[in-house]
Amino acid sequence: KVHAATEDGSAGTKGNVMDAIAAEGLEADVIFACGPMPMLR
């Protein structure tokens, strides 16, 4: 299932990937991630 976040709010959740997780109440045991350094932090 794809959950998109956009900086300008033109699709999916407005904001970043962490905002999308919070908005959709998602949970995980294991995370694999690749992206800009602020996101990885």
PDB file of all heavy atoms in Angstrom:
ATOM      1  N   LYS A   1       0.852  -1.188   0.000  1.00  0.00           N
ATOM      2  CA  LYS A   1       0.000   0.000   0.000  1.00  0.00           C
ATOM      3  C   LYS A   1       0.884   1.233   0.000  1.00  0.00           C
ATOM      4  O   LYS A   1       1.763   1.392   0.856  1.00  0.00           O
ATOM      5  CB  LYS A   1      -0.914  -0.004   1.222  1.00  0.00           C
ATOM      6  CG  LYS A   1      -1.864   1.168   1.195  1.00  0.00           C
ATOM      7  CD  LYS A   1      -3.070   0.976   2.086  1.00  0.00           C
ATOM      8  CE  LYS A   1      -4.039   2.038   1.700  1.00  0.00           C
ATOM      9  NZ  LYS A   1      -4.782   2.794   2.408  1.00  0.00           N
ATOM     10  N   VAL A   2       0.680   2.123  -0.977  1.00  0.00           N
ATOM     11  CA  VAL A   2       1.491   3.333  -1.098  1.00  0.00           C
ATOM     12  C   VAL A   2       0.807   4.497  -0.387  1.00  0.00           C
ATOM     13  O   VAL A   2      -0.389   4.752  -0.581  1.00  0.00           O
ATOM     14  CB  VAL A   2       1.724   3.698  -2.589  1.00  0.00           C
ATOM     15  CG1 VAL A   2       2.415   5.054  -2.709  1.00  0.00           C
ATOM     16  CG2 VAL A   2       2.554   2.613  -3.273  1.00  0.00           C
ATOM     17  N   HIS A   3       1.580   5.183   0.455  1.00  0.00           N
ATOM     18  CA  HIS A   3       1.108   6.380   1.158  1.00  0.00           C
ATOM     19  C   HIS A   3       2.025   7.524   0.737  1.00  0.00           C
ATOM     20  O   HIS A   3       3.220   7.516   1.067  1.00  0.00           O
ATOM     21  CB  HIS A   3       1.190   6.183   2.675  1.00  0.00           C
ATOM     22  CG  HIS A   3       0.586   4.893   3.152  1.00  0.00           C
ATOM     23  ND1 HIS A   3      -0.717   4.782   3.558  1.00  0.00           N
ATOM     24  CD2 HIS A   3       1.127   3.644   3.267  1.00  0.00           C
ATOM     25  CE1 HIS A   3      -0.958   3.526   3.918  1.00  0.00           C
ATOM     26  NE2 HIS A   3       0.152   2.823   3.753  1.00  0.00           N
ATOM     27  N   ALA A   4       1.495   8.481   0.017  1.00  0.00           N
ATOM     28  CA  ALA A   4       2.315   9.581  -0.499  1.00  0.00           C
ATOM     29  C   ALA A   4       2.181  10.825   0.372  1.00  0.00           C
ATOM     30  O   ALA A   4       1.115  11.114   0.918  1.00  0.00           O
ATOM     31  CB  ALA A   4       1.921   9.908  -1.932  1.00  0.00           C
ATOM     32  N   ALA A   5       3.290  11.534   0.488  1.00  0.00           N
ATOM     33  CA  ALA A   5       3.297  12.857   1.120  1.00  0.00           C
ATOM     34  C   ALA A   5       3.914  13.832   0.117  1.00  0.00           C
ATOM     35  O   ALA A   5       4.851  13.471  -0.599  1.00  0.00           O
ATOM     36  CB  ALA A   5       4.128  12.834   2.402  1.00  0.00           C
ATOM     37  N   THR A   6       3.374  15.031   0.045  1.00  0.00           N
ATOM     38  CA  THR A   6       3.943  16.051  -0.846  1.00  0.00           C
ATOM     39  C   THR A   6       4.182  17.336  -0.066  1.00  0.00           C
ATOM     40  O   THR A   6       3.382  17.705   0.796  1.00  0.00           O
ATOM     41  CB  THR A   6       3.009  16.350  -2.042  1.00  0.00           C
ATOM     42  OG1 THR A   6       1.696  16.666  -1.566  1.00  0.00           O
ATOM     43  CG2 THR A   6       2.913  15.152  -2.979  1.00  0.00           C
ATOM     44  N   GLU A   7       5.301  17.973  -0.388  1.00  0.00           N
ATOM     45  CA  GLU A   7       5.664  19.209   0.320  1.00  0.00           C
ATOM     46  C   GLU A   7       4.604  20.290   0.138  1.00  0.00           C
ATOM     47  O   GLU A   7       4.334  21.067   1.053  1.00  0.00           O
ATOM     48  CB  GLU A   7       7.019  19.712  -0.187  1.00  0.00           C
ATOM     49  CG  GLU A   7       8.192  18.840   0.230  1.00  0.00           C
ATOM     50  CD  GLU A   7       9.508  19.314  -0.361  1.00  0.00           C
ATOM     51  OE1 GLU A   7       9.571  20.465  -0.844  1.00  0.00           O
ATOM     52  OE2 GLU A   7      10.476  18.526  -0.359  1.00  0.00           O
ATOM     53  N   ASP A   8       4.015  20.342  -1.072  1.00  0.00           N
ATOM     54  CA  ASP A   8       3.046  21.409  -1.347  1.00  0.00           C
ATOM     55  C   ASP A   8       1.590  20.977  -1.122  1.00  0.00           C
ATOM     56  O   ASP A   8       0.658  21.755  -1.345  1.00  0.00           O
ATOM     57  CB  ASP A   8       3.219  21.949  -2.773  1.00  0.00           C
ATOM     58  CG  ASP A   8       2.921  20.914  -3.852  1.00  0.00           C
ATOM     59  OD1 ASP A   8       2.556  19.773  -3.503  1.00  0.00           O
ATOM     60  OD2 ASP A   8       3.059  21.252  -5.042  1.00  0.00           O
ATOM     61  N   GLY A   9       1.382  19.736  -0.697  1.00  0.00           N
ATOM     62  CA  GLY A   9       0.028  19.266  -0.415  1.00  0.00           C
ATOM     63  C   GLY A   9      -0.813  18.978  -1.645  1.00  0.00           C
ATOM     64  O   GLY A   9      -2.028  18.774  -1.534  1.00  0.00           O
ATOM     65  N   SER A  10      -0.183  18.897  -2.815  1.00  0.00           N
ATOM     66  CA  SER A  10      -0.943  18.684  -4.059  1.00  0.00           C
ATOM     67  C   SER A  10      -1.390  17.242  -4.252  1.00  0.00           C
ATOM     68  O   SER A  10      -2.212  16.943  -5.107  1.00  0.00           O
ATOM     69  CB  SER A  10      -0.125  19.145  -5.271  1.00  0.00           C
ATOM     70  OG  SER A  10       1.137  18.500  -5.310  1.00  0.00           O
ATOM     71  N   ALA A  11      -0.863  16.318  -3.447  1.00  0.00           N
ATOM     72  CA  ALA A  11      -1.303  14.920  -3.468  1.00  0.00           C
ATOM     73  C   ALA A  11      -0.968  14.293  -2.121  1.00  0.00           C
ATOM     74  O   ALA A  11       0.020  14.668  -1.478  1.00  0.00           O
ATOM     75  CB  ALA A  11      -0.608  14.152  -4.588  1.00  0.00           C
ATOM     76  N   GLY A  12      -1.786  13.349  -1.694  1.00  0.00           N
ATOM     77  CA  GLY A  12      -1.527  12.656  -0.438  1.00  0.00           C
ATOM     78  C   GLY A  12      -1.528  13.589   0.766  1.00  0.00           C
ATOM     79  O   GLY A  12      -2.221  14.614   0.789  1.00  0.00           O
ATOM     80  N   THR A  13      -0.743  13.245   1.763  1.00  0.00           N
ATOM     81  CA  THR A  13      -0.624  14.048   2.986  1.00  0.00           C
ATOM     82  C   THR A  13       0.276  15.258   2.726  1.00  0.00           C
ATOM     83  O   THR A  13       1.337  15.120   2.120  1.00  0.00           O
ATOM     84  CB  THR A  13      -0.008  13.203   4.121  1.00  0.00           C
ATOM     85  OG1 THR A  13      -0.826  12.057   4.348  1.00  0.00           O
ATOM     86  CG2 THR A  13       0.122  14.006   5.408  1.00  0.00           C
ATOM     87  N   LYS A  14      -0.123  16.418   3.183  1.00  0.00           N
ATOM     88  CA  LYS A  14       0.750  17.597   3.060  1.00  0.00           C
ATOM     89  C   LYS A  14       1.849  17.500   4.107  1.00  0.00           C
ATOM     90  O   LYS A  14       1.587  17.284   5.285  1.00  0.00           O
ATOM     91  CB  LYS A  14      -0.041  18.894   3.265  1.00  0.00           C
ATOM     92  CG  LYS A  14       0.833  20.156   3.152  1.00  0.00           C
ATOM     93  CD  LYS A  14       0.000  21.414   3.227  1.00  0.00           C
ATOM     94  CE  LYS A  14       0.829  22.680   3.317  1.00  0.00           C
ATOM     95  NZ  LYS A  14       1.836  22.859   2.303  1.00  0.00           N
ATOM     96  N   GLY A  15       3.097  17.579   3.649  1.00  0.00           N
ATOM     97  CA  GLY A  15       4.227  17.476   4.567  1.00  0.00           C
ATOM     98  C   GLY A  15       5.224  16.436   4.094  1.00  0.00           C
ATOM     99  O   GLY A  15       5.458  16.292   2.896  1.00  0.00           O
ATOM    100  N   ASN A  16       5.788  15.701   5.062  1.00  0.00           N
ATOM    101  CA  ASN A  16       6.811  14.715   4.717  1.00  0.00           C
ATOM    102  C   ASN A  16       6.360  13.298   5.084  1.00  0.00           C
ATOM    103  O   ASN A  16       5.217  13.096   5.513  1.00  0.00           O
ATOM    104  CB  ASN A  16       8.140  15.065   5.398  1.00  0.00           C
ATOM    105  CG  ASN A  16       7.996  15.139   6.914  1.00  0.00           C
ATOM    106  OD1 ASN A  16       7.247  14.377   7.532  1.00  0.00           O
ATOM    107  ND2 ASN A  16       8.723  16.062   7.538  1.00  0.00           N
ATOM    108  N   VAL A  17       7.254  12.344   4.920  1.00  0.00           N
ATOM    109  CA  VAL A  17       6.887  10.940   5.177  1.00  0.00           C
ATOM    110  C   VAL A  17       6.474  10.695   6.625  1.00  0.00           C
ATOM    111  O   VAL A  17       5.584   9.893   6.892  1.00  0.00           O
ATOM    112  CB  VAL A  17       8.033   9.978   4.779  1.00  0.00           C
ATOM    113  CG1 VAL A  17       8.156   9.884   3.269  1.00  0.00           C
ATOM    114  CG2 VAL A  17       9.360  10.389   5.413  1.00  0.00           C
ATOM    115  N   MET A  18       7.086  11.400   7.553  1.00  0.00           N
ATOM    116  CA  MET A  18       6.717  11.223   8.961  1.00  0.00           C
ATOM    117  C   MET A  18       5.305  11.748   9.204  1.00  0.00           C
ATOM    118  O   MET A  18       4.551  11.187  10.002  1.00  0.00           O
ATOM    119  CB  MET A  18       7.719  11.941   9.881  1.00  0.00           C
ATOM    120  CG  MET A  18       9.180  11.557   9.678  1.00  0.00           C
ATOM    121  SD  MET A  18       9.503   9.776   9.617  1.00  0.00           S
ATOM    122  CE  MET A  18       8.980   9.265  11.245  1.00  0.00           C
ATOM    123  N   ASP A  19       4.924  12.823   8.510  1.00  0.00           N
ATOM    124  CA  ASP A  19       3.553  13.351   8.617  1.00  0.00           C
ATOM    125  C   ASP A  19       2.550  12.326   8.085  1.00  0.00           C
ATOM    126  O   ASP A  19       1.452  12.179   8.635  1.00  0.00           O
ATOM    127  CB  ASP A  19       3.427  14.661   7.834  1.00  0.00           C
ATOM    128  CG  ASP A  19       4.291  15.775   8.411  1.00  0.00           C
ATOM    129  OD1 ASP A  19       4.349  15.889   9.644  1.00  0.00           O
ATOM    130  OD2 ASP A  19       4.908  16.522   7.626  1.00  0.00           O
ATOM    131  N   ALA A  20       2.921  11.631   7.013  1.00  0.00           N
ATOM    132  CA  ALA A  20       2.025  10.618   6.433  1.00  0.00           C
ATOM    133  C   ALA A  20       1.812   9.457   7.401  1.00  0.00           C
ATOM    134  O   ALA A  20       0.695   8.942   7.540  1.00  0.00           O
ATOM    135  CB  ALA A  20       2.590  10.112   5.109  1.00  0.00           C
ATOM    136  N   ILE A  21       2.875   9.034   8.079  1.00  0.00           N
ATOM    137  CA  ILE A  21       2.764   7.952   9.068  1.00  0.00           C
ATOM    138  C   ILE A  21       1.811   8.356  10.189  1.00  0.00           C
ATOM    139  O   ILE A  21       0.930   7.578  10.585  1.00  0.00           O
ATOM    140  CB  ILE A  21       4.156   7.609   9.646  1.00  0.00           C
ATOM    141  CG1 ILE A  21       5.004   6.890   8.592  1.00  0.00           C
ATOM    142  CG2 ILE A  21       4.032   6.744  10.902  1.00  0.00           C
ATOM    143  CD1 ILE A  21       6.458   6.705   8.993  1.00  0.00           C
ATOM    144  N   ALA A  22       1.972   9.585  10.679  1.00  0.00           N
ATOM    145  CA  ALA A  22       1.120  10.076  11.773  1.00  0.00           C
ATOM    146  C   ALA A  22      -0.328  10.229  11.313  1.00  0.00           C
ATOM    147  O   ALA A  22      -1.260   9.812  12.014  1.00  0.00           O
ATOM    148  CB  ALA A  22       1.661  11.405  12.293  1.00  0.00           C
ATOM    149  N   ALA A  23      -0.526  10.800  10.129  1.00  0.00           N
ATOM    150  CA  ALA A  23      -1.877  11.059   9.625  1.00  0.00           C
ATOM    151  C   ALA A  23      -2.655   9.776   9.401  1.00  0.00           C
ATOM    152  O   ALA A  23      -3.877   9.735   9.594  1.00  0.00           O
ATOM    153  CB  ALA A  23      -1.799  11.853   8.319  1.00  0.00           C
ATOM    154  N   GLU A  24      -1.964   8.704   9.007  1.00  0.00           N
ATOM    155  CA  GLU A  24      -2.648   7.462   8.679  1.00  0.00           C
ATOM    156  C   GLU A  24      -2.540   6.397   9.770  1.00  0.00           C
ATOM    157  O   GLU A  24      -3.011   5.272   9.612  1.00  0.00           O
ATOM    158  CB  GLU A  24      -2.135   6.928   7.342  1.00  0.00           C
ATOM    159  CG  GLU A  24      -2.327   7.951   6.211  1.00  0.00           C
ATOM    160  CD  GLU A  24      -2.201   7.338   4.838  1.00  0.00           C
ATOM    161  OE1 GLU A  24      -2.676   6.197   4.649  1.00  0.00           O
ATOM    162  OE2 GLU A  24      -1.631   7.998   3.965  1.00  0.00           O
ATOM    163  N   GLY A  25      -1.895   6.769  10.879  1.00  0.00           N
ATOM    164  CA  GLY A  25      -1.805   5.853  12.015  1.00  0.00           C
ATOM    165  C   GLY A  25      -1.095   4.547  11.696  1.00  0.00           C
ATOM    166  O   GLY A  25      -1.503   3.476  12.151  1.00  0.00           O
ATOM    167  N   LEU A  26      -0.006   4.634  10.951  1.00  0.00           N
ATOM    168  CA  LEU A  26       0.717   3.434  10.516  1.00  0.00           C
ATOM    169  C   LEU A  26       1.713   2.976  11.583  1.00  0.00           C
ATOM    170  O   LEU A  26       2.249   3.791  12.338  1.00  0.00           O
ATOM    171  CB  LEU A  26       1.464   3.721   9.206  1.00  0.00           C
ATOM    172  CG  LEU A  26       0.609   4.250   8.043  1.00  0.00           C
ATOM    173  CD1 LEU A  26       1.491   4.609   6.860  1.00  0.00           C
ATOM    174  CD2 LEU A  26      -0.442   3.230   7.642  1.00  0.00           C
ATOM    175  N   GLU A  27       1.969   1.661  11.603  1.00  0.00           N
ATOM    176  CA  GLU A  27       2.931   1.099  12.553  1.00  0.00           C
ATOM    177  C   GLU A  27       3.766   0.030  11.866  1.00  0.00           C
ATOM    178  O   GLU A  27       3.298  -0.636  10.934  1.00  0.00           O
ATOM    179  CB  GLU A  27       2.207   0.481  13.758  1.00  0.00           C
ATOM    180  CG  GLU A  27       1.483   1.496  14.625  1.00  0.00           C
ATOM    181  CD  GLU A  27       0.854   0.851  15.856  1.00  0.00           C
ATOM    182  OE1 GLU A  27       0.603  -0.378  15.837  1.00  0.00           O
ATOM    183  OE2 GLU A  27       0.630   1.578  16.829  1.00  0.00           O
ATOM    184  N   ALA A  28       5.004  -0.140  12.336  1.00  0.00           N
ATOM    185  CA  ALA A  28       5.890  -1.136  11.733  1.00  0.00           C
ATOM    186  C   ALA A  28       6.842  -1.722  12.773  1.00  0.00           C
ATOM    187  O   ALA A  28       7.126  -1.096  13.798  1.00  0.00           O
ATOM    188  CB  ALA A  28       6.695  -0.516  10.595  1.00  0.00           C
ATOM    189  N   ASP A  29       7.318  -2.933  12.461  1.00  0.00           N
ATOM    190  CA  ASP A  29       8.354  -3.571  13.277  1.00  0.00           C
ATOM    191  C   ASP A  29       9.737  -3.286  12.712  1.00  0.00           C
ATOM    192  O   ASP A  29      10.726  -3.204  13.439  1.00  0.00           O
ATOM    193  CB  ASP A  29       8.155  -5.092  13.298  1.00  0.00           C
ATOM    194  CG  ASP A  29       6.757  -5.493  13.709  1.00  0.00           C
ATOM    195  OD1 ASP A  29       6.340  -5.090  14.807  1.00  0.00           O
ATOM    196  OD2 ASP A  29       6.073  -6.196  12.924  1.00  0.00           O
ATOM    197  N   VAL A  30       9.802  -3.175  11.370  1.00  0.00           N
ATOM    198  CA  VAL A  30      11.070  -2.989  10.664  1.00  0.00           C
ATOM    199  C   VAL A  30      10.903  -1.879   9.634  1.00  0.00           C
ATOM    200  O   VAL A  30       9.877  -1.819   8.946  1.00  0.00           O
ATOM    201  CB  VAL A  30      11.507  -4.291   9.950  1.00  0.00           C
ATOM    202  CG1 VAL A  30      12.820  -4.073   9.196  1.00  0.00           C
ATOM    203  CG2 VAL A  30      11.658  -5.434  10.935  1.00  0.00           C
ATOM    204  N   ILE A  31      11.914  -1.015   9.548  1.00  0.00           N
ATOM    205  CA  ILE A  31      11.876   0.103   8.597  1.00  0.00           C
ATOM    206  C   ILE A  31      13.100   0.041   7.693  1.00  0.00           C
ATOM    207  O   ILE A  31      14.230  -0.118   8.169  1.00  0.00           O
ATOM    208  CB  ILE A  31      11.875   1.461   9.338  1.00  0.00           C
ATOM    209  CG1 ILE A  31      10.662   1.573  10.268  1.00  0.00           C
ATOM    210  CG2 ILE A  31      11.886   2.620   8.346  1.00  0.00           C
ATOM    211  CD1 ILE A  31      10.723   2.755  11.221  1.00  0.00           C
ATOM    212  N   PHE A  32      12.872   0.161   6.392  1.00  0.00           N
ATOM    213  CA  PHE A  32      13.944   0.323   5.410  1.00  0.00           C
ATOM    214  C   PHE A  32      13.744   1.696   4.786  1.00  0.00           C
ATOM    215  O   PHE A  32      12.645   1.989   4.289  1.00  0.00           O
ATOM    216  CB  PHE A  32      13.873  -0.754   4.321  1.00  0.00           C
ATOM    217  CG  PHE A  32      14.034  -2.163   4.820  1.00  0.00           C
ATOM    218  CD1 PHE A  32      13.098  -3.134   4.520  1.00  0.00           C
ATOM    219  CD2 PHE A  32      15.126  -2.531   5.579  1.00  0.00           C
ATOM    220  CE1 PHE A  32      13.243  -4.448   4.959  1.00  0.00           C
ATOM    221  CE2 PHE A  32      15.288  -3.839   6.029  1.00  0.00           C
ATOM    222  CZ  PHE A  32      14.344  -4.795   5.726  1.00  0.00           C
ATOM    223  N   ALA A  33      14.778   2.519   4.770  1.00  0.00           N
ATOM    224  CA  ALA A  33      14.593   3.893   4.308  1.00  0.00           C
ATOM    225  C   ALA A  33      15.766   4.408   3.487  1.00  0.00           C
ATOM    226  O   ALA A  33      16.917   4.026   3.710  1.00  0.00           O
ATOM    227  CB  ALA A  33      14.369   4.825   5.510  1.00  0.00           C
ATOM    228  N   CYS A  34      15.450   5.272   2.533  1.00  0.00           N
ATOM    229  CA  CYS A  34      16.464   5.963   1.737  1.00  0.00           C
ATOM    230  C   CYS A  34      15.914   7.332   1.380  1.00  0.00           C
ATOM    231  O   CYS A  34      14.758   7.454   0.953  1.00  0.00           O
ATOM    232  CB  CYS A  34      16.772   5.165   0.465  1.00  0.00           C
ATOM    233  SG  CYS A  34      18.072   5.905  -0.553  1.00  0.00           S
ATOM    234  N   GLY A  35      16.715   8.365   1.569  1.00  0.00           N
ATOM    235  CA  GLY A  35      16.250   9.715   1.274  1.00  0.00           C
ATOM    236  C   GLY A  35      17.218  10.746   1.809  1.00  0.00           C
ATOM    237  O   GLY A  35      18.330  10.417   2.230  1.00  0.00           O
ATOM    238  N   PRO A  36      16.786  12.008   1.813  1.00  0.00           N
ATOM    239  CA  PRO A  36      17.670  13.076   2.306  1.00  0.00           C
ATOM    240  C   PRO A  36      17.971  12.932   3.801  1.00  0.00           C
ATOM    241  O   PRO A  36      17.205  12.304   4.542  1.00  0.00           O
ATOM    242  CB  PRO A  36      16.883  14.358   2.007  1.00  0.00           C
ATOM    243  CG  PRO A  36      15.478  13.923   1.819  1.00  0.00           C
ATOM    244  CD  PRO A  36      15.504  12.516   1.321  1.00  0.00           C
ATOM    245  N   MET A  37      19.074  13.498   4.219  1.00  0.00           N
ATOM    246  CA  MET A  37      19.539  13.305   5.594  1.00  0.00           C
ATOM    247  C   MET A  37      18.528  13.715   6.666  1.00  0.00           C
ATOM    248  O   MET A  37      18.365  12.991   7.662  1.00  0.00           O
ATOM    249  CB  MET A  37      20.874  14.044   5.788  1.00  0.00           C
ATOM    250  CG  MET A  37      21.657  13.563   6.978  1.00  0.00           C
ATOM    251  SD  MET A  37      21.996  11.764   6.978  1.00  0.00           S
ATOM    252  CE  MET A  37      23.165  11.640   5.654  1.00  0.00           C
ATOM    253  N   PRO A  38      17.803  14.847   6.526  1.00  0.00           N
ATOM    254  CA  PRO A  38      16.811  15.168   7.564  1.00  0.00           C
ATOM    255  C   PRO A  38      15.759  14.067   7.728  1.00  0.00           C
ATOM    256  O   PRO A  38      15.322  13.770   8.841  1.00  0.00           O
ATOM    257  CB  PRO A  38      16.181  16.471   7.052  1.00  0.00           C
ATOM    258  CG  PRO A  38      17.222  17.083   6.176  1.00  0.00           C
ATOM    259  CD  PRO A  38      17.908  15.928   5.520  1.00  0.00           C
ATOM    260  N   MET A  39      15.368  13.452   6.630  1.00  0.00           N
ATOM    261  CA  MET A  39      14.404  12.356   6.693  1.00  0.00           C
ATOM    262  C   MET A  39      14.996  11.156   7.439  1.00  0.00           C
ATOM    263  O   MET A  39      14.340  10.552   8.294  1.00  0.00           O
ATOM    264  CB  MET A  39      13.992  11.937   5.281  1.00  0.00           C
ATOM    265  CG  MET A  39      13.125  10.689   5.238  1.00  0.00           C
ATOM    266  SD  MET A  39      12.891  10.067   3.559  1.00  0.00           S
ATOM    267  CE  MET A  39      13.001   8.301   3.866  1.00  0.00           C
ATOM    268  N   LEU A  40      16.252  10.809   7.130  1.00  0.00           N
ATOM    269  CA  LEU A  40      16.871   9.649   7.775  1.00  0.00           C
ATOM    270  C   LEU A  40      17.074   9.886   9.269  1.00  0.00           C
ATOM    271  O   LEU A  40      16.937   8.962  10.070  1.00  0.00           O
ATOM    272  CB  LEU A  40      18.192   9.313   7.085  1.00  0.00           C
ATOM    273  CG  LEU A  40      18.079   8.909   5.612  1.00  0.00           C
ATOM    274  CD1 LEU A  40      19.459   8.569   5.053  1.00  0.00           C
ATOM    275  CD2 LEU A  40      17.117   7.740   5.417  1.00  0.00           C
ATOM    276  N   ARG A  41      17.370  11.118   9.650  1.00  0.00           N
ATOM    277  CA  ARG A  41      17.487  11.444  11.088  1.00  0.00           C
ATOM    278  C   ARG A  41      16.140  11.239  11.779  1.00  0.00           C
ATOM    279  O   ARG A  41      16.066  10.717  12.894  1.00  0.00           O
ATOM    280  CB  ARG A  41      17.960  12.888  11.270  1.00  0.00           C
ATOM    281  CG  ARG A  41      19.413  13.103  10.885  1.00  0.00           C
ATOM    282  CD  ARG A  41      19.917  14.471  11.348  1.00  0.00           C
ATOM    283  NE  ARG A  41      21.229  14.726  10.801  1.00  0.00           N
ATOM    284  CZ  ARG A  41      21.484  15.563   9.783  1.00  0.00           C
ATOM    285  NH1 ARG A  41      20.500  16.244   9.222  1.00  0.00           N
ATOM    286  NH2 ARG A  41      22.711  15.725   9.336  1.00  0.00           N
TER     287      ARG A  41
END
